[in-house]
Amino acid sequence: MQRLLNWLEVPINALLWIALVAGLLMMLHVTVDVAGRTIFNHPLEGTTEIVSAYYMVVVAYLPWAWVTRNNGHLNVDLFTLRMSPRSVFWLEVVAKIATLAYVAVFTWRTFLRAIVQTRAGEVWQAGTTHIPVWPSRWMLPIAGLLMTLYLVARIIHDVASGPDANAKNASAQSANTKSAA
């Protein structure tokens, strides 16, 4: 399972970098649009549609697997402070399974919607032109699929390793974090 987790690092990091580049492009695009509107009284046509249909979708969804890999989702430690490490471990496994179920359904439903919108050739009107937005519909199932694959591999790895190995890894990571600070 560790080999699969290592293999998943490549697409996880690639989607993160794509999202970072999209964020940069979004800032540049909006800046040029605002400058064009205020200085030359001529904004870029379709900026709002491109930003909302492409840049924001990529920035919001493609890093999902990266956030999951880095345990960047919200955690409420208030309820687990007094629990034993073994109980916290199993609670985290159950939370990962629940997340997996949700993301798998989300991925399936967005995949079906992407097929429908691709077949329809979905476009949005932007001023005097039409912008095809159906390609952005595929970002959600791509992000969801990678997060689903990562969660499956992670759950299997964690359960196979057990709570004791997980506690050792967590204490080693916190020691590294403290020494780095």
N, C-alpha and C. Protein backbone atom coordinates (compact mmCIF):
# COMPACT_ATOMS: atom_id res chain seq x y z
N MET A 1 0.82 -1.19 0.00
CA MET A 1 0.00 0.00 0.00
C MET A 1 0.87 1.26 0.00
N GLN A 2 2.00 1.19 0.65
CA GLN A 2 2.89 2.35 0.68
C GLN A 2 3.36 2.71 -0.73
N ARG A 3 3.55 1.71 -1.57
CA ARG A 3 3.96 1.96 -2.95
C ARG A 3 2.87 2.75 -3.69
N LEU A 4 1.61 2.37 -3.48
CA LEU A 4 0.50 3.09 -4.11
C LEU A 4 0.43 4.52 -3.58
N LEU A 5 0.59 4.70 -2.28
CA LEU A 5 0.58 6.04 -1.71
C LEU A 5 1.71 6.89 -2.31
N ASN A 6 2.88 6.29 -2.48
CA ASN A 6 4.00 7.02 -3.09
C ASN A 6 3.71 7.36 -4.54
N TRP A 7 3.08 6.41 -5.27
CA TRP A 7 2.75 6.65 -6.66
C TRP A 7 1.74 7.79 -6.79
N LEU A 8 0.80 7.86 -5.86
CA LEU A 8 -0.23 8.91 -5.89
C LEU A 8 0.33 10.30 -5.64
N GLU A 9 1.54 10.38 -5.08
CA GLU A 9 2.16 11.69 -4.84
C GLU A 9 2.29 12.50 -6.12
N VAL A 10 2.61 11.84 -7.23
CA VAL A 10 2.83 12.56 -8.50
C VAL A 10 1.56 13.28 -8.97
N PRO A 11 0.42 12.58 -9.14
CA PRO A 11 -0.77 13.32 -9.56
C PRO A 11 -1.29 14.29 -8.50
N ILE A 12 -1.11 13.97 -7.23
CA ILE A 12 -1.54 14.88 -6.16
C ILE A 12 -0.78 16.19 -6.27
N ASN A 13 0.53 16.11 -6.40
CA ASN A 13 1.34 17.32 -6.52
C ASN A 13 1.08 18.04 -7.85
N ALA A 14 0.85 17.29 -8.92
CA ALA A 14 0.57 17.91 -10.22
C ALA A 14 -0.72 18.73 -10.15
N LEU A 15 -1.77 18.17 -9.54
CA LEU A 15 -3.02 18.92 -9.44
C LEU A 15 -2.87 20.14 -8.54
N LEU A 16 -2.04 20.04 -7.51
CA LEU A 16 -1.78 21.21 -6.66
C LEU A 16 -1.12 22.31 -7.48
N TRP A 17 -0.11 21.95 -8.27
CA TRP A 17 0.59 22.96 -9.07
C TRP A 17 -0.32 23.56 -10.13
N ILE A 18 -1.17 22.75 -10.71
CA ILE A 18 -2.14 23.29 -11.68
C ILE A 18 -3.05 24.31 -10.99
N ALA A 19 -3.49 23.99 -9.79
CA ALA A 19 -4.35 24.91 -9.04
C ALA A 19 -3.60 26.20 -8.69
N LEU A 20 -2.34 26.09 -8.31
CA LEU A 20 -1.55 27.28 -8.00
C LEU A 20 -1.36 28.16 -9.23
N VAL A 21 -1.08 27.55 -10.36
CA VAL A 21 -0.93 28.31 -11.61
C VAL A 21 -2.26 28.96 -11.98
N ALA A 22 -3.36 28.24 -11.82
CA ALA A 22 -4.69 28.80 -12.11
C ALA A 22 -4.97 30.00 -11.20
N GLY A 23 -4.58 29.92 -9.95
CA GLY A 23 -4.76 31.05 -9.03
C GLY A 23 -3.97 32.26 -9.48
N LEU A 24 -2.73 32.03 -9.91
CA LEU A 24 -1.92 33.13 -10.43
C LEU A 24 -2.52 33.73 -11.69
N LEU A 25 -2.94 32.86 -12.61
CA LEU A 25 -3.56 33.34 -13.85
C LEU A 25 -4.85 34.10 -13.57
N MET A 26 -5.61 33.65 -12.59
CA MET A 26 -6.85 34.33 -12.22
C MET A 26 -6.54 35.74 -11.73
N MET A 27 -5.52 35.88 -10.88
CA MET A 27 -5.16 37.21 -10.39
C MET A 27 -4.71 38.12 -11.52
N LEU A 28 -3.90 37.59 -12.43
CA LEU A 28 -3.44 38.39 -13.56
C LEU A 28 -4.60 38.77 -14.47
N HIS A 29 -5.48 37.83 -14.75
CA HIS A 29 -6.63 38.08 -15.62
C HIS A 29 -7.53 39.17 -15.04
N VAL A 30 -7.84 39.07 -13.77
CA VAL A 30 -8.70 40.07 -13.12
C VAL A 30 -8.00 41.42 -13.07
N THR A 31 -6.70 41.43 -12.82
CA THR A 31 -5.94 42.68 -12.79
C THR A 31 -5.97 43.37 -14.14
N VAL A 32 -5.76 42.61 -15.21
CA VAL A 32 -5.81 43.18 -16.56
C VAL A 32 -7.22 43.69 -16.87
N ASP A 33 -8.23 42.94 -16.45
CA ASP A 33 -9.61 43.37 -16.68
C ASP A 33 -9.91 44.68 -15.96
N VAL A 34 -9.52 44.77 -14.68
CA VAL A 34 -9.77 45.98 -13.91
C VAL A 34 -8.99 47.16 -14.50
N ALA A 35 -7.73 46.92 -14.86
CA ALA A 35 -6.93 47.98 -15.47
C ALA A 35 -7.55 48.42 -16.80
N GLY A 36 -7.98 47.47 -17.59
CA GLY A 36 -8.62 47.80 -18.86
C GLY A 36 -9.90 48.60 -18.66
N ARG A 37 -10.65 48.24 -17.65
CA ARG A 37 -11.92 48.93 -17.38
C ARG A 37 -11.67 50.35 -16.87
N THR A 38 -10.72 50.52 -15.94
CA THR A 38 -10.53 51.82 -15.31
C THR A 38 -9.64 52.76 -16.13
N ILE A 39 -8.62 52.23 -16.77
CA ILE A 39 -7.68 53.08 -17.51
C ILE A 39 -8.15 53.34 -18.94
N PHE A 40 -8.58 52.29 -19.62
CA PHE A 40 -8.93 52.40 -21.04
C PHE A 40 -10.44 52.37 -21.31
N ASN A 41 -11.23 52.22 -20.23
CA ASN A 41 -12.68 52.11 -20.36
C ASN A 41 -13.07 50.99 -21.31
N HIS A 42 -12.29 49.90 -21.26
CA HIS A 42 -12.55 48.75 -22.14
C HIS A 42 -12.16 47.46 -21.39
N PRO A 43 -13.12 46.88 -20.64
CA PRO A 43 -12.80 45.65 -19.91
C PRO A 43 -12.66 44.45 -20.85
N LEU A 44 -12.04 43.40 -20.35
CA LEU A 44 -11.94 42.16 -21.11
C LEU A 44 -13.30 41.46 -21.09
N GLU A 45 -13.77 41.09 -22.23
CA GLU A 45 -15.07 40.42 -22.32
C GLU A 45 -14.95 38.99 -21.79
N GLY A 46 -15.88 38.61 -20.93
CA GLY A 46 -15.95 37.24 -20.42
C GLY A 46 -15.11 36.96 -19.20
N THR A 47 -14.52 37.99 -18.58
CA THR A 47 -13.67 37.74 -17.41
C THR A 47 -14.44 37.07 -16.28
N THR A 48 -15.62 37.57 -15.96
CA THR A 48 -16.40 36.99 -14.87
C THR A 48 -16.72 35.53 -15.15
N GLU A 49 -17.09 35.22 -16.37
CA GLU A 49 -17.45 33.85 -16.73
C GLU A 49 -16.24 32.92 -16.69
N ILE A 50 -15.11 33.39 -17.21
CA ILE A 50 -13.90 32.56 -17.21
C ILE A 50 -13.41 32.33 -15.79
N VAL A 51 -13.44 33.38 -14.97
CA VAL A 51 -12.99 33.25 -13.58
C VAL A 51 -13.88 32.25 -12.84
N SER A 52 -15.20 32.39 -12.98
CA SER A 52 -16.09 31.52 -12.20
C SER A 52 -16.21 30.12 -12.77
N ALA A 53 -16.06 29.96 -14.09
CA ALA A 53 -16.22 28.63 -14.69
C ALA A 53 -14.92 27.84 -14.70
N TYR A 54 -13.80 28.50 -14.75
CA TYR A 54 -12.53 27.78 -14.86
C TYR A 54 -11.61 27.99 -13.66
N TYR A 55 -11.11 29.21 -13.50
CA TYR A 55 -10.10 29.44 -12.46
C TYR A 55 -10.58 29.02 -11.08
N MET A 56 -11.76 29.47 -10.68
CA MET A 56 -12.22 29.18 -9.33
C MET A 56 -12.50 27.69 -9.12
N VAL A 57 -12.99 27.02 -10.14
CA VAL A 57 -13.24 25.58 -10.04
C VAL A 57 -11.92 24.84 -9.85
N VAL A 58 -10.93 25.20 -10.63
CA VAL A 58 -9.61 24.55 -10.53
C VAL A 58 -8.98 24.82 -9.18
N VAL A 59 -9.01 26.07 -8.74
CA VAL A 59 -8.39 26.44 -7.46
C VAL A 59 -9.11 25.77 -6.29
N ALA A 60 -10.42 25.66 -6.36
CA ALA A 60 -11.18 25.10 -5.23
C ALA A 60 -11.13 23.58 -5.15
N TYR A 61 -11.11 22.89 -6.29
CA TYR A 61 -11.27 21.43 -6.26
C TYR A 61 -10.00 20.62 -6.51
N LEU A 62 -9.14 21.05 -7.39
CA LEU A 62 -7.99 20.20 -7.72
C LEU A 62 -7.07 19.90 -6.53
N PRO A 63 -6.90 20.79 -5.56
CA PRO A 63 -6.02 20.46 -4.42
C PRO A 63 -6.64 19.55 -3.36
N TRP A 64 -7.84 19.04 -3.57
CA TRP A 64 -8.49 18.21 -2.55
C TRP A 64 -7.61 17.08 -2.04
N ALA A 65 -7.02 16.32 -2.94
CA ALA A 65 -6.20 15.17 -2.52
C ALA A 65 -4.97 15.65 -1.75
N TRP A 66 -4.40 16.77 -2.16
CA TRP A 66 -3.22 17.32 -1.46
C TRP A 66 -3.60 17.72 -0.04
N VAL A 67 -4.73 18.38 0.12
CA VAL A 67 -5.20 18.78 1.45
C VAL A 67 -5.45 17.53 2.30
N THR A 68 -6.05 16.51 1.70
CA THR A 68 -6.32 15.27 2.43
C THR A 68 -5.02 14.60 2.84
N ARG A 69 -4.06 14.53 1.92
CA ARG A 69 -2.78 13.89 2.22
C ARG A 69 -2.07 14.59 3.38
N ASN A 70 -2.20 15.91 3.46
CA ASN A 70 -1.51 16.69 4.49
C ASN A 70 -2.36 16.91 5.74
N ASN A 71 -3.48 16.19 5.85
CA ASN A 71 -4.39 16.33 6.99
C ASN A 71 -4.77 17.79 7.21
N GLY A 72 -5.06 18.49 6.11
CA GLY A 72 -5.38 19.90 6.17
C GLY A 72 -6.84 20.22 6.36
N HIS A 73 -7.69 19.21 6.43
CA HIS A 73 -9.11 19.47 6.67
C HIS A 73 -9.32 19.83 8.13
N LEU A 74 -10.42 20.46 8.41
CA LEU A 74 -10.71 20.90 9.77
C LEU A 74 -10.83 19.71 10.72
N ASN A 75 -10.21 19.87 11.88
CA ASN A 75 -10.31 18.87 12.94
C ASN A 75 -10.75 19.59 14.20
N VAL A 76 -11.65 18.98 14.95
CA VAL A 76 -12.07 19.54 16.22
C VAL A 76 -11.48 18.64 17.31
N ASP A 77 -10.37 19.07 17.88
CA ASP A 77 -9.67 18.27 18.88
C ASP A 77 -10.32 18.34 20.25
N LEU A 78 -11.25 19.24 20.44
CA LEU A 78 -11.90 19.40 21.72
C LEU A 78 -12.50 18.09 22.23
N PHE A 79 -13.06 17.31 21.30
CA PHE A 79 -13.72 16.07 21.68
C PHE A 79 -12.76 14.90 21.82
N THR A 80 -11.57 15.01 21.27
CA THR A 80 -10.64 13.89 21.30
C THR A 80 -9.48 14.08 22.28
N LEU A 81 -9.42 15.20 22.96
CA LEU A 81 -8.30 15.47 23.86
C LEU A 81 -8.17 14.44 24.97
N ARG A 82 -9.26 13.95 25.46
CA ARG A 82 -9.22 13.01 26.59
C ARG A 82 -9.35 11.55 26.14
N MET A 83 -9.37 11.33 24.83
CA MET A 83 -9.47 9.96 24.32
C MET A 83 -8.09 9.33 24.24
N SER A 84 -8.05 8.03 24.32
CA SER A 84 -6.78 7.33 24.19
C SER A 84 -6.31 7.40 22.72
N PRO A 85 -5.01 7.29 22.48
CA PRO A 85 -4.51 7.31 21.09
C PRO A 85 -5.16 6.23 20.22
N ARG A 86 -5.42 5.08 20.78
CA ARG A 86 -6.07 3.99 20.04
C ARG A 86 -7.48 4.40 19.62
N SER A 87 -8.23 5.03 20.53
CA SER A 87 -9.59 5.48 20.20
C SER A 87 -9.57 6.58 19.15
N VAL A 88 -8.63 7.49 19.27
CA VAL A 88 -8.49 8.57 18.27
C VAL A 88 -8.16 7.97 16.91
N PHE A 89 -7.29 6.98 16.89
CA PHE A 89 -6.92 6.32 15.63
C PHE A 89 -8.16 5.74 14.95
N TRP A 90 -8.96 4.99 15.71
CA TRP A 90 -10.14 4.35 15.10
C TRP A 90 -11.21 5.37 14.73
N LEU A 91 -11.30 6.43 15.50
CA LEU A 91 -12.22 7.51 15.13
C LEU A 91 -11.79 8.15 13.81
N GLU A 92 -10.50 8.35 13.64
CA GLU A 92 -9.99 8.91 12.39
C GLU A 92 -10.23 7.96 11.21
N VAL A 93 -10.10 6.67 11.43
CA VAL A 93 -10.39 5.70 10.37
C VAL A 93 -11.87 5.78 9.98
N VAL A 94 -12.74 5.85 10.97
CA VAL A 94 -14.17 5.96 10.68
C VAL A 94 -14.47 7.27 9.93
N ALA A 95 -13.82 8.35 10.35
CA ALA A 95 -14.01 9.64 9.66
C ALA A 95 -13.54 9.56 8.21
N LYS A 96 -12.42 8.88 7.99
CA LYS A 96 -11.92 8.71 6.62
C LYS A 96 -12.88 7.87 5.78
N ILE A 97 -13.47 6.85 6.38
CA ILE A 97 -14.44 6.02 5.66
C ILE A 97 -15.68 6.84 5.32
N ALA A 98 -16.16 7.65 6.25
CA ALA A 98 -17.33 8.51 5.98
C ALA A 98 -16.99 9.52 4.89
N THR A 99 -15.81 10.10 4.95
CA THR A 99 -15.37 11.04 3.91
C THR A 99 -15.28 10.33 2.58
N LEU A 100 -14.74 9.14 2.58
CA LEU A 100 -14.64 8.35 1.35
C LEU A 100 -16.01 8.11 0.74
N ALA A 101 -16.98 7.74 1.55
CA ALA A 101 -18.33 7.50 1.04
C ALA A 101 -18.90 8.76 0.41
N TYR A 102 -18.75 9.89 1.09
CA TYR A 102 -19.27 11.15 0.55
C TYR A 102 -18.57 11.52 -0.75
N VAL A 103 -17.24 11.46 -0.75
CA VAL A 103 -16.48 11.87 -1.94
C VAL A 103 -16.74 10.92 -3.10
N ALA A 104 -16.93 9.65 -2.84
CA ALA A 104 -17.23 8.69 -3.91
C ALA A 104 -18.57 9.02 -4.56
N VAL A 105 -19.58 9.32 -3.76
CA VAL A 105 -20.88 9.71 -4.32
C VAL A 105 -20.76 11.03 -5.07
N PHE A 106 -20.06 11.98 -4.50
CA PHE A 106 -19.84 13.28 -5.15
C PHE A 106 -19.15 13.08 -6.50
N THR A 107 -18.13 12.25 -6.52
CA THR A 107 -17.38 12.00 -7.75
C THR A 107 -18.28 11.36 -8.81
N TRP A 108 -19.05 10.38 -8.40
CA TRP A 108 -19.94 9.70 -9.34
C TRP A 108 -20.97 10.66 -9.92
N ARG A 109 -21.60 11.46 -9.06
CA ARG A 109 -22.63 12.39 -9.53
C ARG A 109 -22.04 13.48 -10.42
N THR A 110 -20.88 14.00 -10.07
CA THR A 110 -20.27 15.04 -10.92
C THR A 110 -19.76 14.44 -12.23
N PHE A 111 -19.36 13.18 -12.21
CA PHE A 111 -18.96 12.50 -13.44
C PHE A 111 -20.16 12.39 -14.39
N LEU A 112 -21.31 11.97 -13.86
CA LEU A 112 -22.51 11.87 -14.69
C LEU A 112 -22.92 13.23 -15.23
N ARG A 113 -22.81 14.26 -14.41
CA ARG A 113 -23.16 15.62 -14.85
C ARG A 113 -22.18 16.11 -15.91
N ALA A 114 -20.91 15.78 -15.76
CA ALA A 114 -19.91 16.19 -16.76
C ALA A 114 -20.21 15.55 -18.11
N ILE A 115 -20.64 14.30 -18.10
CA ILE A 115 -21.00 13.63 -19.36
C ILE A 115 -22.16 14.35 -20.03
N VAL A 116 -23.19 14.66 -19.24
CA VAL A 116 -24.38 15.34 -19.79
C VAL A 116 -23.98 16.70 -20.37
N GLN A 117 -23.20 17.47 -19.62
CA GLN A 117 -22.84 18.81 -20.07
C GLN A 117 -21.88 18.77 -21.26
N THR A 118 -21.03 17.75 -21.33
CA THR A 118 -20.13 17.60 -22.47
C THR A 118 -20.94 17.28 -23.73
N ARG A 119 -21.87 16.36 -23.60
CA ARG A 119 -22.72 16.01 -24.75
C ARG A 119 -23.55 17.20 -25.22
N ALA A 120 -23.99 18.03 -24.28
CA ALA A 120 -24.80 19.20 -24.63
C ALA A 120 -23.94 20.34 -25.16
N GLY A 121 -22.62 20.26 -24.93
CA GLY A 121 -21.74 21.34 -25.37
C GLY A 121 -22.02 22.62 -24.58
N GLU A 122 -22.14 22.50 -23.28
CA GLU A 122 -22.51 23.62 -22.42
C GLU A 122 -21.65 24.85 -22.68
N VAL A 123 -22.31 26.00 -22.86
CA VAL A 123 -21.64 27.29 -23.03
C VAL A 123 -22.34 28.32 -22.16
N TRP A 124 -21.59 29.36 -21.81
CA TRP A 124 -22.16 30.51 -21.12
C TRP A 124 -22.00 31.72 -22.01
N GLN A 125 -23.02 32.57 -22.03
CA GLN A 125 -22.92 33.79 -22.82
C GLN A 125 -22.12 34.81 -22.03
N ALA A 126 -21.16 35.41 -22.72
CA ALA A 126 -20.32 36.43 -22.12
C ALA A 126 -20.29 37.63 -23.06
N GLY A 127 -21.14 38.55 -22.79
CA GLY A 127 -21.22 39.71 -23.68
C GLY A 127 -21.77 39.31 -25.03
N THR A 128 -20.94 39.46 -26.06
CA THR A 128 -21.37 39.13 -27.42
C THR A 128 -20.89 37.77 -27.88
N THR A 129 -20.26 37.04 -27.01
CA THR A 129 -19.71 35.74 -27.39
C THR A 129 -20.19 34.65 -26.44
N HIS A 130 -19.92 33.42 -26.80
CA HIS A 130 -20.23 32.27 -25.94
C HIS A 130 -18.93 31.58 -25.56
N ILE A 131 -18.82 31.25 -24.28
CA ILE A 131 -17.63 30.57 -23.76
C ILE A 131 -18.00 29.14 -23.43
N PRO A 132 -17.32 28.16 -24.04
CA PRO A 132 -17.62 26.76 -23.67
C PRO A 132 -17.12 26.48 -22.25
N VAL A 133 -18.01 26.01 -21.40
CA VAL A 133 -17.64 25.74 -20.01
C VAL A 133 -17.72 24.26 -19.66
N TRP A 134 -18.15 23.44 -20.60
CA TRP A 134 -18.25 22.01 -20.30
C TRP A 134 -16.92 21.39 -19.88
N PRO A 135 -15.74 21.87 -20.39
CA PRO A 135 -14.50 21.23 -19.92
C PRO A 135 -14.27 21.39 -18.41
N SER A 136 -14.73 22.50 -17.85
CA SER A 136 -14.52 22.70 -16.41
C SER A 136 -15.34 21.73 -15.57
N ARG A 137 -16.38 21.17 -16.13
CA ARG A 137 -17.20 20.19 -15.41
C ARG A 137 -16.39 18.94 -15.06
N TRP A 138 -15.32 18.68 -15.79
CA TRP A 138 -14.51 17.49 -15.56
C TRP A 138 -13.52 17.66 -14.41
N MET A 139 -13.31 18.88 -13.95
CA MET A 139 -12.38 19.11 -12.84
C MET A 139 -12.88 18.46 -11.55
N LEU A 140 -14.18 18.49 -11.32
CA LEU A 140 -14.73 17.93 -10.08
C LEU A 140 -14.56 16.42 -10.01
N PRO A 141 -14.95 15.66 -11.04
CA PRO A 141 -14.73 14.21 -10.93
C PRO A 141 -13.25 13.83 -10.93
N ILE A 142 -12.41 14.60 -11.60
CA ILE A 142 -10.96 14.31 -11.56
C ILE A 142 -10.44 14.49 -10.15
N ALA A 143 -10.77 15.62 -9.53
CA ALA A 143 -10.32 15.89 -8.16
C ALA A 143 -10.90 14.85 -7.19
N GLY A 144 -12.18 14.54 -7.36
CA GLY A 144 -12.83 13.57 -6.48
C GLY A 144 -12.25 12.18 -6.63
N LEU A 145 -11.96 11.78 -7.87
CA LEU A 145 -11.38 10.45 -8.10
C LEU A 145 -10.02 10.32 -7.43
N LEU A 146 -9.18 11.33 -7.57
CA LEU A 146 -7.86 11.25 -6.94
C LEU A 146 -7.98 11.23 -5.42
N MET A 147 -8.88 12.03 -4.87
CA MET A 147 -9.08 12.02 -3.42
C MET A 147 -9.63 10.67 -2.97
N THR A 148 -10.54 10.08 -3.75
CA THR A 148 -11.10 8.77 -3.43
C THR A 148 -10.00 7.71 -3.43
N LEU A 149 -9.17 7.71 -4.47
CA LEU A 149 -8.07 6.74 -4.53
C LEU A 149 -7.12 6.90 -3.35
N TYR A 150 -6.81 8.16 -3.01
CA TYR A 150 -5.91 8.39 -1.89
C TYR A 150 -6.54 7.90 -0.58
N LEU A 151 -7.83 8.20 -0.37
CA LEU A 151 -8.48 7.77 0.86
C LEU A 151 -8.53 6.26 0.98
N VAL A 152 -8.83 5.56 -0.12
CA VAL A 152 -8.86 4.09 -0.09
C VAL A 152 -7.49 3.56 0.32
N ALA A 153 -6.45 4.06 -0.34
CA ALA A 153 -5.09 3.60 -0.03
C ALA A 153 -4.71 3.94 1.40
N ARG A 154 -5.07 5.12 1.84
CA ARG A 154 -4.72 5.56 3.19
C ARG A 154 -5.45 4.73 4.26
N ILE A 155 -6.72 4.48 4.04
CA ILE A 155 -7.49 3.68 5.00
C ILE A 155 -6.89 2.27 5.11
N ILE A 156 -6.62 1.65 3.98
CA ILE A 156 -6.03 0.30 3.99
C ILE A 156 -4.67 0.32 4.68
N HIS A 157 -3.85 1.33 4.35
CA HIS A 157 -2.52 1.45 4.97
C HIS A 157 -2.65 1.64 6.48
N ASP A 158 -3.52 2.53 6.91
CA ASP A 158 -3.67 2.79 8.35
C ASP A 158 -4.17 1.56 9.10
N VAL A 159 -5.20 0.90 8.56
CA VAL A 159 -5.74 -0.28 9.23
C VAL A 159 -4.71 -1.40 9.26
N ALA A 160 -3.98 -1.59 8.17
CA ALA A 160 -2.95 -2.64 8.12
C ALA A 160 -1.81 -2.34 9.09
N SER A 161 -1.46 -1.06 9.23
CA SER A 161 -0.37 -0.68 10.13
C SER A 161 -0.80 -0.73 11.59
N GLY A 162 -2.04 -0.38 11.84
CA GLY A 162 -2.56 -0.41 13.20
C GLY A 162 -2.32 0.89 13.94
N PRO A 163 -2.97 1.02 15.09
CA PRO A 163 -2.88 2.27 15.86
C PRO A 163 -1.49 2.52 16.44
N ASP A 164 -0.75 1.47 16.74
CA ASP A 164 0.57 1.65 17.34
C ASP A 164 1.55 2.27 16.35
N ALA A 165 1.53 1.81 15.10
CA ALA A 165 2.41 2.38 14.07
C ALA A 165 2.01 3.81 13.76
N ASN A 166 0.71 4.08 13.77
CA ASN A 166 0.22 5.42 13.50
C ASN A 166 0.65 6.38 14.61
N ALA A 167 0.62 5.94 15.87
CA ALA A 167 1.03 6.78 16.99
C ALA A 167 2.52 7.10 16.90
N LYS A 168 3.33 6.12 16.48
CA LYS A 168 4.78 6.36 16.32
C LYS A 168 5.03 7.37 15.22
N ASN A 169 4.32 7.24 14.09
CA ASN A 169 4.48 8.19 12.99
C ASN A 169 4.04 9.58 13.40
N ALA A 170 2.95 9.69 14.16
CA ALA A 170 2.44 10.99 14.59
C ALA A 170 3.41 11.66 15.54
N SER A 171 3.99 10.88 16.49
CA SER A 171 4.94 11.47 17.43
C SER A 171 6.23 11.87 16.73
N ALA A 172 6.66 11.10 15.73
CA ALA A 172 7.85 11.46 14.96
C ALA A 172 7.61 12.73 14.15
N GLN A 173 6.41 12.86 13.57
CA GLN A 173 6.09 14.06 12.80
C GLN A 173 6.01 15.29 13.69
N SER A 174 5.42 15.15 14.88
CA SER A 174 5.34 16.31 15.78
C SER A 174 6.72 16.69 16.30
N ALA A 175 7.61 15.71 16.52
CA ALA A 175 8.98 16.01 16.94
C ALA A 175 9.72 16.75 15.83
N ASN A 176 9.52 16.33 14.57
CA ASN A 176 10.14 17.02 13.45
C ASN A 176 9.62 18.44 13.31
N THR A 177 8.33 18.63 13.54
CA THR A 177 7.73 19.95 13.46
C THR A 177 8.26 20.86 14.54
N LYS A 178 8.40 20.34 15.77
CA LYS A 178 8.92 21.14 16.87
C LYS A 178 10.38 21.51 16.64
N SER A 179 11.19 20.57 16.12
CA SER A 179 12.61 20.87 15.89
C SER A 179 12.79 21.83 14.74
N ALA A 180 11.87 21.82 13.78
CA ALA A 180 11.96 22.74 12.64
C ALA A 180 11.60 24.15 13.07
N ALA A 181 10.75 24.27 14.09
CA ALA A 181 10.31 25.61 14.55
C ALA A 181 11.37 26.17 15.42
